PDB file of N, CA and C in Angstrom:
ATOM      1  N   UNK A   1      85.378 180.708  16.686  1.00  0.00           N
ATOM      2  CA  UNK A   1      86.440 179.907  17.247  1.00  0.00           C
ATOM      3  C   UNK A   1      85.793 178.798  18.087  1.00  0.00           C
ATOM      4  N   UNK A   2      86.416 177.665  18.086  1.00  0.00           N
ATOM      5  CA  UNK A   2      85.931 176.505  18.808  1.00  0.00           C
ATOM      6  C   UNK A   2      85.966 176.758  20.321  1.00  0.00           C
ATOM      7  N   UNK A   3      84.981 176.239  21.039  1.00  0.00           N
ATOM      8  CA  UNK A   3      84.919 176.440  22.489  1.00  0.00           C
ATOM      9  C   UNK A   3      86.098 175.798  23.210  1.00  0.00           C
ATOM     10  N   UNK A   4      86.547 174.638  22.723  1.00  0.00           N
ATOM     11  CA  UNK A   4      87.713 173.989  23.339  1.00  0.00           C
ATOM     12  C   UNK A   4      88.952 174.862  23.196  1.00  0.00           C
ATOM     13  N   UNK A   5      89.098 175.475  22.029  1.00  0.00           N
ATOM     14  CA  UNK A   5      90.260 176.340  21.796  1.00  0.00           C
ATOM     15  C   UNK A   5      90.180 177.583  22.681  1.00  0.00           C
ATOM     16  N   UNK A   6      88.999 178.171  22.802  1.00  0.00           N
ATOM     17  CA  UNK A   6      88.839 179.335  23.671  1.00  0.00           C
ATOM     18  C   UNK A   6      89.177 178.988  25.118  1.00  0.00           C
ATOM     19  N   UNK A   7      88.716 177.829  25.573  1.00  0.00           N
ATOM     20  CA  UNK A   7      88.980 177.405  26.943  1.00  0.00           C
ATOM     21  C   UNK A   7      90.477 177.184  27.153  1.00  0.00           C
ATOM     22  N   UNK A   8      91.128 176.593  26.163  1.00  0.00           N
ATOM     23  CA  UNK A   8      92.569 176.348  26.266  1.00  0.00           C
ATOM     24  C   UNK A   8      93.343 177.666  26.309  1.00  0.00           C
ATOM     25  N   UNK A   9      92.912 178.626  25.505  1.00  0.00           N
ATOM     26  CA  UNK A   9      93.569 179.937  25.491  1.00  0.00           C
ATOM     27  C   UNK A   9      93.394 180.634  26.832  1.00  0.00           C
ATOM     28  N   UNK A  10      92.197 180.576  27.394  1.00  0.00           N
ATOM     29  CA  UNK A  10      91.952 181.193  28.700  1.00  0.00           C
ATOM     30  C   UNK A  10      92.812 180.531  29.770  1.00  0.00           C
ATOM     31  N   UNK A  11      92.960 179.214  29.690  1.00  0.00           N
ATOM     32  CA  UNK A  11      93.785 178.509  30.673  1.00  0.00           C
ATOM     33  C   UNK A  11      95.255 178.925  30.564  1.00  0.00           C
ATOM     34  N   UNK A  12      95.746 179.131  29.340  1.00  0.00           N
ATOM     35  CA  UNK A  12      97.123 179.593  29.184  1.00  0.00           C
ATOM     36  C   UNK A  12      97.305 180.977  29.793  1.00  0.00           C
ATOM     37  N   UNK A  13      96.339 181.882  29.549  1.00  0.00           N
ATOM     38  CA  UNK A  13      96.440 183.220  30.135  1.00  0.00           C
ATOM     39  C   UNK A  13      96.385 183.158  31.659  1.00  0.00           C
ATOM     40  N   UNK A  14      95.511 182.316  32.199  1.00  0.00           N
ATOM     41  CA  UNK A  14      95.419 182.176  33.663  1.00  0.00           C
ATOM     42  C   UNK A  14      96.734 181.636  34.233  1.00  0.00           C
ATOM     43  N   UNK A  15      97.306 180.638  33.574  1.00  0.00           N
ATOM     44  CA  UNK A  15      98.590 180.090  34.029  1.00  0.00           C
ATOM     45  C   UNK A  15      99.686 181.146  33.943  1.00  0.00           C
ATOM     46  N   UNK A  16      99.640 181.981  32.917  1.00  0.00           N
ATOM     47  CA  UNK A  16     100.624 183.051  32.786  1.00  0.00           C
ATOM     48  C   UNK A  16     100.537 184.051  33.928  1.00  0.00           C
ATOM     49  N   UNK A  17      99.315 184.395  34.318  1.00  0.00           N
ATOM     50  CA  UNK A  17      99.137 185.321  35.444  1.00  0.00           C
ATOM     51  C   UNK A  17      99.653 184.686  36.736  1.00  0.00           C
ATOM     52  N   UNK A  18      99.344 183.414  36.952  1.00  0.00           N
ATOM     53  CA  UNK A  18      99.820 182.727  38.157  1.00  0.00           C
ATOM     54  C   UNK A  18     101.352 182.692  38.166  1.00  0.00           C
ATOM     55  N   UNK A  19     101.956 182.373  37.029  1.00  0.00           N
ATOM     56  CA  UNK A  19     103.423 182.344  36.967  1.00  0.00           C
ATOM     57  C   UNK A  19     104.016 183.724  37.212  1.00  0.00           C
ATOM     58  N   UNK A  20     103.376 184.767  36.697  1.00  0.00           N
ATOM     59  CA  UNK A  20     103.854 186.125  36.965  1.00  0.00           C
ATOM     60  C   UNK A  20     103.777 186.460  38.447  1.00  0.00           C
ATOM     61  N   UNK A  21     102.679 186.085  39.080  1.00  0.00           N
ATOM     62  CA  UNK A  21     102.526 186.372  40.508  1.00  0.00           C
ATOM     63  C   UNK A  21     103.565 185.626  41.344  1.00  0.00           C
ATOM     64  N   UNK A  22     103.789 184.367  41.028  1.00  0.00           N
ATOM     65  CA  UNK A  22     104.786 183.597  41.784  1.00  0.00           C
ATOM     66  C   UNK A  22     106.190 184.145  41.520  1.00  0.00           C
ATOM     67  N   UNK A  23     106.464 184.518  40.275  1.00  0.00           N
ATOM     68  CA  UNK A  23     107.765 185.119  39.964  1.00  0.00           C
ATOM     69  C   UNK A  23     107.964 186.439  40.695  1.00  0.00           C
ATOM     70  N   UNK A  24     106.908 187.249  40.775  1.00  0.00           N
ATOM     71  CA  UNK A  24     106.999 188.518  41.498  1.00  0.00           C
ATOM     72  C   UNK A  24     107.195 188.272  42.988  1.00  0.00           C
ATOM     73  N   UNK A  25     106.504 187.269  43.525  1.00  0.00           N
ATOM     74  CA  UNK A  25     106.684 186.927  44.941  1.00  0.00           C
ATOM     75  C   UNK A  25     108.131 186.513  45.220  1.00  0.00           C
ATOM     76  N   UNK A  26     108.676 185.686  44.347  1.00  0.00           N
ATOM     77  CA  UNK A  26     110.071 185.263  44.522  1.00  0.00           C
ATOM     78  C   UNK A  26     111.015 186.455  44.390  1.00  0.00           C
ATOM     79  N   UNK A  27     110.685 187.382  43.509  1.00  0.00           N
ATOM     80  CA  UNK A  27     111.528 188.559  43.314  1.00  0.00           C
ATOM     81  C   UNK A  27     111.539 189.446  44.550  1.00  0.00           C
ATOM     82  N   UNK A  28     110.370 189.700  45.117  1.00  0.00           N
ATOM     83  CA  UNK A  28     110.276 190.646  46.224  1.00  0.00           C
ATOM     84  C   UNK A  28     110.516 190.021  47.599  1.00  0.00           C
ATOM     85  N   UNK A  29     110.059 188.782  47.809  1.00  0.00           N
ATOM     86  CA  UNK A  29     110.135 188.200  49.138  1.00  0.00           C
ATOM     87  C   UNK A  29     111.053 186.980  49.235  1.00  0.00           C
ATOM     88  N   UNK A  30     111.521 186.460  48.115  1.00  0.00           N
ATOM     89  CA  UNK A  30     112.325 185.254  48.132  1.00  0.00           C
ATOM     90  C   UNK A  30     113.692 185.437  48.738  1.00  0.00           C
ATOM     91  N   UNK A  31     114.210 186.638  48.671  1.00  0.00           N
ATOM     92  CA  UNK A  31     115.552 186.903  49.202  1.00  0.00           C
ATOM     93  C   UNK A  31     115.601 186.788  50.731  1.00  0.00           C
ATOM     94  N   UNK A  32     114.445 186.859  51.367  1.00  0.00           N
ATOM     95  CA  UNK A  32     114.398 186.772  52.833  1.00  0.00           C
ATOM     96  C   UNK A  32     114.685 185.365  53.341  1.00  0.00           C
ATOM     97  N   UNK A  33     114.318 184.343  52.583  1.00  0.00           N
ATOM     98  CA  UNK A  33     114.435 182.979  53.112  1.00  0.00           C
ATOM     99  C   UNK A  33     115.121 182.000  52.166  1.00  0.00           C
ATOM    100  N   UNK A  34     115.648 182.472  51.034  1.00  0.00           N
ATOM    101  CA  UNK A  34     116.368 181.594  50.103  1.00  0.00           C
ATOM    102  C   UNK A  34     117.706 182.214  49.724  1.00  0.00           C
ATOM    103  N   UNK A  35     118.675 181.369  49.367  1.00  0.00           N
ATOM    104  CA  UNK A  35     119.952 181.905  48.873  1.00  0.00           C
ATOM    105  C   UNK A  35     119.756 182.645  47.540  1.00  0.00           C
ATOM    106  N   UNK A  36     120.690 183.518  47.250  1.00  0.00           N
ATOM    107  CA  UNK A  36     120.587 184.391  46.070  1.00  0.00           C
ATOM    108  C   UNK A  36     120.492 183.607  44.761  1.00  0.00           C
ATOM    109  N   UNK A  37     121.282 182.540  44.609  1.00  0.00           N
ATOM    110  CA  UNK A  37     121.267 181.801  43.352  1.00  0.00           C
ATOM    111  C   UNK A  37     119.932 181.069  43.136  1.00  0.00           C
ATOM    112  N   UNK A  38     119.341 180.567  44.217  1.00  0.00           N
ATOM    113  CA  UNK A  38     118.039 179.893  44.089  1.00  0.00           C
ATOM    114  C   UNK A  38     116.932 180.883  43.739  1.00  0.00           C
ATOM    115  N   UNK A  39     116.995 182.070  44.301  1.00  0.00           N
ATOM    116  CA  UNK A  39     116.005 183.104  43.999  1.00  0.00           C
ATOM    117  C   UNK A  39     116.091 183.477  42.531  1.00  0.00           C
ATOM    118  N   UNK A  40     117.300 183.638  42.043  1.00  0.00           N
ATOM    119  CA  UNK A  40     117.477 183.985  40.624  1.00  0.00           C
ATOM    120  C   UNK A  40     116.931 182.894  39.720  1.00  0.00           C
ATOM    121  N   UNK A  41     117.202 181.651  40.058  1.00  0.00           N
ATOM    122  CA  UNK A  41     116.691 180.536  39.249  1.00  0.00           C
ATOM    123  C   UNK A  41     115.163 180.476  39.295  1.00  0.00           C
ATOM    124  N   UNK A  42     114.581 180.688  40.465  1.00  0.00           N
ATOM    125  CA  UNK A  42     113.120 180.682  40.576  1.00  0.00           C
ATOM    126  C   UNK A  42     112.495 181.799  39.748  1.00  0.00           C
ATOM    127  N   UNK A  43     113.076 182.979  39.828  1.00  0.00           N
ATOM    128  CA  UNK A  43     112.550 184.111  39.064  1.00  0.00           C
ATOM    129  C   UNK A  43     112.621 183.816  37.575  1.00  0.00           C
ATOM    130  N   UNK A  44     113.764 183.336  37.105  1.00  0.00           N
ATOM    131  CA  UNK A  44     113.905 183.009  35.682  1.00  0.00           C
ATOM    132  C   UNK A  44     112.942 181.907  35.260  1.00  0.00           C
ATOM    133  N   UNK A  45     112.770 180.906  36.115  1.00  0.00           N
ATOM    134  CA  UNK A  45     111.875 179.792  35.813  1.00  0.00           C
ATOM    135  C   UNK A  45     110.438 180.277  35.652  1.00  0.00           C
ATOM    136  N   UNK A  46     109.925 180.993  36.640  1.00  0.00           N
ATOM    137  CA  UNK A  46     108.525 181.402  36.596  1.00  0.00           C
ATOM    138  C   UNK A  46     108.269 182.479  35.545  1.00  0.00           C
ATOM    139  N   UNK A  47     109.177 183.411  35.376  1.00  0.00           N
ATOM    140  CA  UNK A  47     108.974 184.429  34.348  1.00  0.00           C
ATOM    141  C   UNK A  47     109.131 183.839  32.945  1.00  0.00           C
ATOM    142  N   UNK A  48     109.996 182.833  32.803  1.00  0.00           N
ATOM    143  CA  UNK A  48     110.118 182.144  31.515  1.00  0.00           C
ATOM    144  C   UNK A  48     108.836 181.407  31.153  1.00  0.00           C
ATOM    145  N   UNK A  49     108.254 180.711  32.120  1.00  0.00           N
ATOM    146  CA  UNK A  49     106.995 180.028  31.839  1.00  0.00           C
ATOM    147  C   UNK A  49     105.853 181.011  31.639  1.00  0.00           C
ATOM    148  N   UNK A  50     105.892 182.155  32.302  1.00  0.00           N
ATOM    149  CA  UNK A  50     104.864 183.173  32.073  1.00  0.00           C
ATOM    150  C   UNK A  50     104.950 183.680  30.632  1.00  0.00           C
ATOM    151  N   UNK A  51     106.163 183.907  30.153  1.00  0.00           N
ATOM    152  CA  UNK A  51     106.330 184.340  28.763  1.00  0.00           C
ATOM    153  C   UNK A  51     105.807 183.274  27.801  1.00  0.00           C
ATOM    154  N   UNK A  52     106.099 182.027  28.092  1.00  0.00           N
ATOM    155  CA  UNK A  52     105.605 180.929  27.258  1.00  0.00           C
ATOM    156  C   UNK A  52     104.078 180.853  27.306  1.00  0.00           C
ATOM    157  N   UNK A  53     103.506 181.054  28.485  1.00  0.00           N
ATOM    158  CA  UNK A  53     102.049 181.001  28.622  1.00  0.00           C
ATOM    159  C   UNK A  53     101.358 182.135  27.874  1.00  0.00           C
ATOM    160  N   UNK A  54     101.999 183.268  27.719  1.00  0.00           N
ATOM    161  CA  UNK A  54     101.400 184.358  26.952  1.00  0.00           C
ATOM    162  C   UNK A  54     101.697 184.254  25.462  1.00  0.00           C
ATOM    163  N   UNK A  55     102.749 183.531  25.095  1.00  0.00           N
ATOM    164  CA  UNK A  55     103.112 183.367  23.692  1.00  0.00           C
ATOM    165  C   UNK A  55     102.273 182.273  23.024  1.00  0.00           C
ATOM    166  N   UNK A  56     101.982 181.205  23.758  1.00  0.00           N
ATOM    167  CA  UNK A  56     101.253 180.069  23.180  1.00  0.00           C
ATOM    168  C   UNK A  56      99.877 180.440  22.633  1.00  0.00           C
ATOM    169  N   UNK A  57      99.044 181.232  23.333  1.00  0.00           N
ATOM    170  CA  UNK A  57      97.743 181.577  22.747  1.00  0.00           C
ATOM    171  C   UNK A  57      97.855 182.346  21.438  1.00  0.00           C
ATOM    172  N   UNK A  58      98.880 183.154  21.315  1.00  0.00           N
ATOM    173  CA  UNK A  58      99.081 183.893  20.061  1.00  0.00           C
ATOM    174  C   UNK A  58      99.354 182.911  18.926  1.00  0.00           C
ATOM    175  N   UNK A  59     100.195 181.928  19.193  1.00  0.00           N
ATOM    176  CA  UNK A  59     100.498 180.925  18.171  1.00  0.00           C
ATOM    177  C   UNK A  59      99.281 180.036  17.874  1.00  0.00           C
ATOM    178  N   UNK A  60      98.497 179.731  18.903  1.00  0.00           N
ATOM    179  CA  UNK A  60      97.294 178.916  18.695  1.00  0.00           C
ATOM    180  C   UNK A  60      96.279 179.657  17.829  1.00  0.00           C
ATOM    181  N   UNK A  61      96.102 180.962  18.080  1.00  0.00           N
ATOM    182  CA  UNK A  61      95.187 181.762  17.260  1.00  0.00           C
ATOM    183  C   UNK A  61      95.681 181.845  15.822  1.00  0.00           C
ATOM    184  N   UNK A  62      96.991 182.017  15.661  1.00  0.00           N
ATOM    185  CA  UNK A  62      97.573 182.097  14.328  1.00  0.00           C
ATOM    186  C   UNK A  62      97.377 180.792  13.561  1.00  0.00           C
ATOM    187  N   UNK A  63      97.609 179.655  14.219  1.00  0.00           N
ATOM    188  CA  UNK A  63      97.420 178.362  13.574  1.00  0.00           C
ATOM    189  C   UNK A  63      95.953 178.134  13.243  1.00  0.00           C
ATOM    190  N   UNK A  64      95.051 178.530  14.124  1.00  0.00           N
ATOM    191  CA  UNK A  64      93.626 178.376  13.871  1.00  0.00           C
ATOM    192  C   UNK A  64      93.221 179.195  12.646  1.00  0.00           C
ATOM    193  N   UNK A  65      93.722 180.424  12.534  1.00  0.00           N
ATOM    194  CA  UNK A  65      93.405 181.267  11.371  1.00  0.00           C
ATOM    195  C   UNK A  65      93.951 180.644  10.085  1.00  0.00           C
ATOM    196  N   UNK A  66      95.152 180.078  10.137  1.00  0.00           N
ATOM    197  CA  UNK A  66      95.718 179.415   8.960  1.00  0.00           C
ATOM    198  C   UNK A  66      94.899 178.194   8.569  1.00  0.00           C
ATOM    199  N   UNK A  67      94.470 177.423   9.558  1.00  0.00           N
ATOM    200  CA  UNK A  67      93.646 176.245   9.278  1.00  0.00           C
ATOM    201  C   UNK A  67      92.306 176.643   8.674  1.00  0.00           C
ATOM    202  N   UNK A  68      91.725 177.723   9.174  1.00  0.00           N
ATOM    203  CA  UNK A  68      90.447 178.185   8.629  1.00  0.00           C
ATOM    204  C   UNK A  68      90.609 178.675   7.193  1.00  0.00           C
ATOM    205  N   UNK A  69      91.716 179.351   6.903  1.00  0.00           N
ATOM    206  CA  UNK A  69      91.968 179.804   5.536  1.00  0.00           C
ATOM    207  C   UNK A  69      92.168 178.614   4.599  1.00  0.00           C
ATOM    208  N   UNK A  70      92.868 177.596   5.089  1.00  0.00           N
ATOM    209  CA  UNK A  70      93.085 176.394   4.284  1.00  0.00           C
ATOM    210  C   UNK A  70      91.763 175.677   4.006  1.00  0.00           C
ATOM    211  N   UNK A  71      90.903 175.569   5.019  1.00  0.00           N
ATOM    212  CA  UNK A  71      89.593 174.942   4.831  1.00  0.00           C
ATOM    213  C   UNK A  71      88.741 175.731   3.836  1.00  0.00           C
ATOM    214  N   UNK A  72      88.791 177.036   3.935  1.00  0.00           N
ATOM    215  CA  UNK A  72      88.020 177.871   3.009  1.00  0.00           C
ATOM    216  C   UNK A  72      88.527 177.704   1.580  1.00  0.00           C
ATOM    217  N   UNK A  73      89.831 177.613   1.408  1.00  0.00           N
ATOM    218  CA  UNK A  73      90.393 177.393   0.074  1.00  0.00           C
ATOM    219  C   UNK A  73      89.969 176.031  -0.476  1.00  0.00           C
ATOM    220  N   UNK A  74      89.939 175.018   0.387  1.00  0.00           N
ATOM    221  CA  UNK A  74      89.485 173.692  -0.046  1.00  0.00           C
ATOM    222  C   UNK A  74      88.016 173.717  -0.428  1.00  0.00           C
ATOM    223  N   UNK A  75      87.197 174.449   0.328  1.00  0.00           N
ATOM    224  CA  UNK A  75      85.774 174.558  -0.005  1.00  0.00           C
ATOM    225  C   UNK A  75      85.579 175.244  -1.346  1.00  0.00           C
ATOM    226  N   UNK A  76      86.342 176.294  -1.569  1.00  0.00           N
ATOM    227  CA  UNK A  76      86.239 177.003  -2.857  1.00  0.00           C
ATOM    228  C   UNK A  76      86.662 176.104  -4.007  1.00  0.00           C
ATOM    229  N   UNK A  77      87.739 175.338  -3.780  1.00  0.00           N
ATOM    230  CA  UNK A  77      88.213 174.435  -4.835  1.00  0.00           C
ATOM    231  C   UNK A  77      87.186 173.348  -5.108  1.00  0.00           C
ATOM    232  N   UNK A  78      86.585 172.797  -4.083  1.00  0.00           N
ATOM    233  CA  UNK A  78      85.562 171.770  -4.265  1.00  0.00           C
ATOM    234  C   UNK A  78      84.326 172.350  -4.937  1.00  0.00           C
ATOM    235  N   UNK A  79      83.976 173.584  -4.592  1.00  0.00           N
ATOM    236  CA  UNK A  79      82.833 174.242  -5.233  1.00  0.00           C
ATOM    237  C   UNK A  79      83.091 174.500  -6.697  1.00  0.00           C
ATOM    238  N   UNK A  80      84.304 174.890  -7.033  1.00  0.00           N
ATOM    239  CA  UNK A  80      84.649 175.137  -8.427  1.00  0.00           C
ATOM    240  C   UNK A  80      84.656 173.833  -9.208  1.00  0.00           C
ATOM    241  N   UNK A  81      85.158 172.767  -8.590  1.00  0.00           N
ATOM    242  CA  UNK A  81      85.181 171.474  -9.264  1.00  0.00           C
ATOM    243  C   UNK A  81      83.772 170.920  -9.450  1.00  0.00           C
ATOM    244  N   UNK A  82      82.947 171.043  -8.438  1.00  0.00           N
ATOM    245  CA  UNK A  82      81.591 170.508  -8.556  1.00  0.00           C
ATOM    246  C   UNK A  82      80.767 171.343  -9.528  1.00  0.00           C
ATOM    247  N   UNK A  83      81.063 172.612  -9.634  1.00  0.00           N
ATOM    248  CA  UNK A  83      80.357 173.455 -10.594  1.00  0.00           C
ATOM    249  C   UNK A  83      80.716 173.112 -12.023  1.00  0.00           C
ATOM    250  N   UNK A  84      81.917 172.661 -12.277  1.00  0.00           N
ATOM    251  CA  UNK A  84      82.346 172.301 -13.626  1.00  0.00           C
ATOM    252  C   UNK A  84      81.828 170.942 -14.042  1.00  0.00           C
ATOM    253  N   UNK A  85      81.618 170.060 -13.090  1.00  0.00           N
ATOM    254  CA  UNK A  85      81.225 168.698 -13.457  1.00  0.00           C
ATOM    255  C   UNK A  85      79.728 168.581 -13.750  1.00  0.00           C
ATOM    256  N   UNK A  86      78.959 169.587 -13.409  1.00  0.00           N
ATOM    257  CA  UNK A  86      77.527 169.517 -13.672  1.00  0.00           C
ATOM    258  C   UNK A  86      77.259 169.875 -15.131  1.00  0.00           C
ATOM    259  N   UNK A  87      76.273 169.227 -15.724  1.00  0.00           N
ATOM    260  CA  UNK A  87      75.932 169.546 -17.112  1.00  0.00           C
ATOM    261  C   UNK A  87      75.335 170.945 -17.188  1.00  0.00           C
ATOM    262  N   UNK A  88      75.525 171.622 -18.300  1.00  0.00           N
ATOM    263  CA  UNK A  88      74.990 172.985 -18.431  1.00  0.00           C
ATOM    264  C   UNK A  88      73.469 172.973 -18.398  1.00  0.00           C
ATOM    265  N   UNK A  89      72.893 173.987 -17.776  1.00  0.00           N
ATOM    266  CA  UNK A  89      71.439 174.096 -17.690  1.00  0.00           C
ATOM    267  C   UNK A  89      70.896 174.738 -18.955  1.00  0.00           C
ATOM    268  N   UNK A  90      69.774 174.206 -19.417  1.00  0.00           N
ATOM    269  CA  UNK A  90      69.169 174.760 -20.634  1.00  0.00           C
ATOM    270  C   UNK A  90      67.842 175.401 -20.357  1.00  0.00           C
TER     271      UNK A  90
END
């Protein structure tokens, strides 16, 4: 896997953990200093982004695997074509 892709995946996981922590903080301590409706919105916001942050790396890995399979199929097709165009060896 490409180093840029690995770094991007790690960043998504790190952001997901941060969003989970902030959402948990709002869940447990937000009711002390914020109105109920704002606490609910904050919890939904941060937990929603945490879910997105954990879902995106899965989709990125899936797309990378599909791209690699497509490249391999193209290589095989080019190899088969180049093998046919060469004159037979005697």
